[in-house]
Amino acid sequence: MQIYDILPDLSRTKHLPGSNQSLLLSNEKPVLVIFWSVSCSSCGYFLRKLDAIPEIKSKKVIPILIHTHLEGEQVSLSAIKNKLNQLHIEGVYLDDVTDQLTNIFQFRYVPALYLFDKQEKLRFKQIGKTSTNLIEQRLRRLINTK
């Protein structure tokens, strides 16, 4: 996925319990897509840091958390639900069991983050260890653009 690519259709991806699907109906908000995995320790740390970003807490951005299964990983639905319950990010929760989205977004490491503007065009991506400060700056810039 390259800068200015359009957000792919996520409607056919398996939704996880606790997912707030109504957020997908919110137009005119930036979308933050995060690929993560239960077995990724830096993913858990990163998601906890994201929860502290004011633009996410105030729902000025739509967070979409997509659980991806690492190669050879056998993860139960209850393990994914437990990890999501530990987080306090209200968002859309998806499970990419078939690797359909992983193939579309073309990343190799988690966490993988993609920030789409209000018109659903990719404006920023970061794969692997990420900086929440940089993400916060990008979010502010996107929210404040007309």
Protein backbone atom coordinates (compact mmCIF):
# COMPACT_ATOMS: atom_id res chain seq x y z
CA MET A 1 0.00 0.00 0.00
CA GLN A 2 1.40 3.37 -1.05
CA ILE A 3 0.73 6.96 0.02
CA TYR A 4 -2.58 8.28 -1.43
CA ASP A 5 -3.98 4.76 -1.95
CA ILE A 6 -7.63 4.47 -0.90
CA LEU A 7 -8.69 2.58 2.25
CA PRO A 8 -9.71 -0.92 1.13
CA ASP A 9 -13.15 -2.36 1.83
CA LEU A 10 -13.07 -3.90 5.29
CA SER A 11 -16.69 -5.08 5.37
CA ARG A 12 -15.94 -8.73 4.59
CA THR A 13 -13.37 -9.13 7.35
CA LYS A 14 -14.38 -11.08 10.44
CA HIS A 15 -15.54 -8.75 13.22
CA LEU A 16 -14.43 -9.48 16.78
CA PRO A 17 -16.68 -9.26 19.86
CA GLY A 18 -16.79 -5.76 21.34
CA SER A 19 -16.24 -4.13 17.97
CA ASN A 20 -18.03 -0.81 17.52
CA GLN A 21 -19.22 -1.16 13.94
CA SER A 22 -21.15 2.12 14.10
CA LEU A 23 -17.82 3.97 13.94
CA LEU A 24 -17.50 2.90 10.32
CA LEU A 25 -20.57 5.00 9.54
CA SER A 26 -18.86 8.13 10.87
CA ASN A 27 -17.87 10.12 7.81
CA GLU A 28 -15.36 12.92 7.63
CA LYS A 29 -12.97 11.52 10.24
CA PRO A 30 -9.45 10.24 9.74
CA VAL A 31 -9.05 6.48 10.05
CA LEU A 32 -6.20 4.83 11.92
CA VAL A 33 -5.67 1.19 10.90
CA ILE A 34 -3.43 -0.83 13.20
CA PHE A 35 -2.33 -4.40 12.54
CA TRP A 36 -1.27 -6.21 15.70
CA SER A 37 -0.91 -9.69 17.13
CA VAL A 38 -1.53 -11.18 20.56
CA SER A 39 1.96 -12.67 20.68
CA CYS A 40 3.67 -9.37 19.83
CA SER A 41 4.87 -7.69 23.04
CA SER A 42 5.70 -4.40 21.31
CA CYS A 43 2.15 -4.39 19.88
CA GLY A 44 0.62 -4.45 23.36
CA TYR A 45 2.92 -1.66 24.54
CA PHE A 46 2.17 0.41 21.43
CA LEU A 47 -1.61 -0.03 21.75
CA ARG A 48 -1.51 1.09 25.39
CA LYS A 49 0.42 4.21 24.36
CA LEU A 50 -2.09 4.91 21.58
CA ASP A 51 -4.90 4.88 24.10
CA ALA A 52 -3.37 7.97 25.73
CA ILE A 53 -3.49 10.08 22.56
CA PRO A 54 -6.19 12.76 23.05
CA GLU A 55 -7.43 12.56 19.43
CA ILE A 56 -8.22 8.87 19.93
CA LYS A 57 -9.82 9.31 23.35
CA SER A 58 -12.02 12.16 22.07
CA LYS A 59 -13.12 10.06 19.05
CA LYS A 60 -11.79 12.53 16.47
CA VAL A 61 -10.27 9.56 14.66
CA ILE A 62 -11.68 6.11 13.92
CA PRO A 63 -9.33 3.39 15.21
CA ILE A 64 -9.52 0.05 13.43
CA LEU A 65 -7.55 -2.67 15.20
CA ILE A 66 -6.91 -5.68 12.99
CA HIS A 67 -5.54 -8.79 14.63
CA THR A 68 -3.23 -10.65 12.30
CA HIS A 69 -1.97 -14.16 12.89
CA LEU A 70 1.79 -14.47 12.76
CA GLU A 71 3.23 -17.39 10.83
CA GLY A 72 2.62 -20.65 12.67
CA GLU A 73 0.67 -18.90 15.41
CA GLN A 74 -2.41 -20.62 16.82
CA VAL A 75 -4.42 -18.02 18.75
CA SER A 76 -7.85 -18.60 20.20
CA LEU A 77 -10.65 -16.08 19.98
CA SER A 78 -10.68 -15.86 23.79
CA ALA A 79 -6.99 -14.83 23.84
CA ILE A 80 -7.71 -12.04 21.36
CA LYS A 81 -10.76 -10.92 23.36
CA ASN A 82 -8.74 -10.91 26.61
CA LYS A 83 -6.06 -8.71 25.04
CA LEU A 84 -8.67 -6.30 23.66
CA ASN A 85 -10.37 -6.12 27.06
CA GLN A 86 -7.07 -5.00 28.60
CA LEU A 87 -6.99 -2.08 26.18
CA HIS A 88 -9.38 0.79 26.52
CA ILE A 89 -9.51 1.84 22.89
CA GLU A 90 -13.05 2.04 21.58
CA GLY A 91 -12.80 1.06 17.97
CA VAL A 92 -13.57 -1.39 15.23
CA TYR A 93 -12.00 -4.78 15.94
CA LEU A 94 -11.32 -7.16 13.07
CA ASP A 95 -9.58 -10.53 12.77
CA ASP A 96 -7.61 -11.14 9.57
CA VAL A 97 -7.71 -14.93 9.81
CA THR A 98 -7.38 -15.42 6.05
CA ASP A 99 -4.55 -12.85 5.62
CA GLN A 100 -6.70 -11.05 3.06
CA LEU A 101 -5.93 -7.61 4.52
CA THR A 102 -2.33 -8.51 5.29
CA ASN A 103 -1.86 -9.20 1.57
CA ILE A 104 -3.59 -5.97 0.53
CA PHE A 105 -1.60 -3.78 2.92
CA GLN A 106 1.65 -5.69 2.20
CA PHE A 107 3.51 -5.42 5.48
CA ARG A 108 5.90 -7.90 7.05
CA TYR A 109 6.14 -6.79 10.69
CA VAL A 110 3.73 -5.79 13.43
CA PRO A 111 2.71 -3.39 14.69
CA ALA A 112 1.85 -1.85 11.33
CA LEU A 113 0.03 1.46 11.32
CA TYR A 114 -1.75 3.23 8.47
CA LEU A 115 -3.29 6.68 8.79
CA PHE A 116 -5.97 7.66 6.28
CA ASP A 117 -7.32 11.19 5.90
CA LYS A 118 -10.99 12.23 5.88
CA GLN A 119 -11.27 11.21 2.22
CA GLU A 120 -9.85 7.77 3.11
CA LYS A 121 -6.54 8.33 1.31
CA LEU A 122 -3.41 6.91 2.91
CA ARG A 123 -1.32 9.77 4.29
CA PHE A 124 1.13 8.02 6.62
CA LYS A 125 2.33 4.51 7.36
CA GLN A 126 4.74 3.09 9.86
CA ILE A 127 5.73 -0.55 10.23
CA GLY A 128 7.55 -2.13 13.14
CA LYS A 129 8.49 -0.13 16.23
CA THR A 130 6.57 3.10 16.15
CA SER A 131 6.64 6.52 17.74
CA THR A 132 3.34 7.69 19.24
CA ASN A 133 4.64 11.29 19.21
CA LEU A 134 4.94 11.22 15.44
CA ILE A 135 1.51 9.64 15.09
CA GLU A 136 0.00 12.26 17.39
CA GLN A 137 1.50 15.05 15.24
CA ARG A 138 0.15 13.47 12.04
CA LEU A 139 -3.30 13.03 13.59
CA ARG A 140 -3.45 16.66 14.67
CA ARG A 141 -2.45 17.79 11.20
CA LEU A 142 -5.12 15.64 9.52
CA ILE A 143 -7.87 16.64 11.96
CA ASN A 144 -7.15 20.32 11.52
CA THR A 145 -7.16 20.25 7.69
CA LYS A 146 -10.37 21.10 5.93
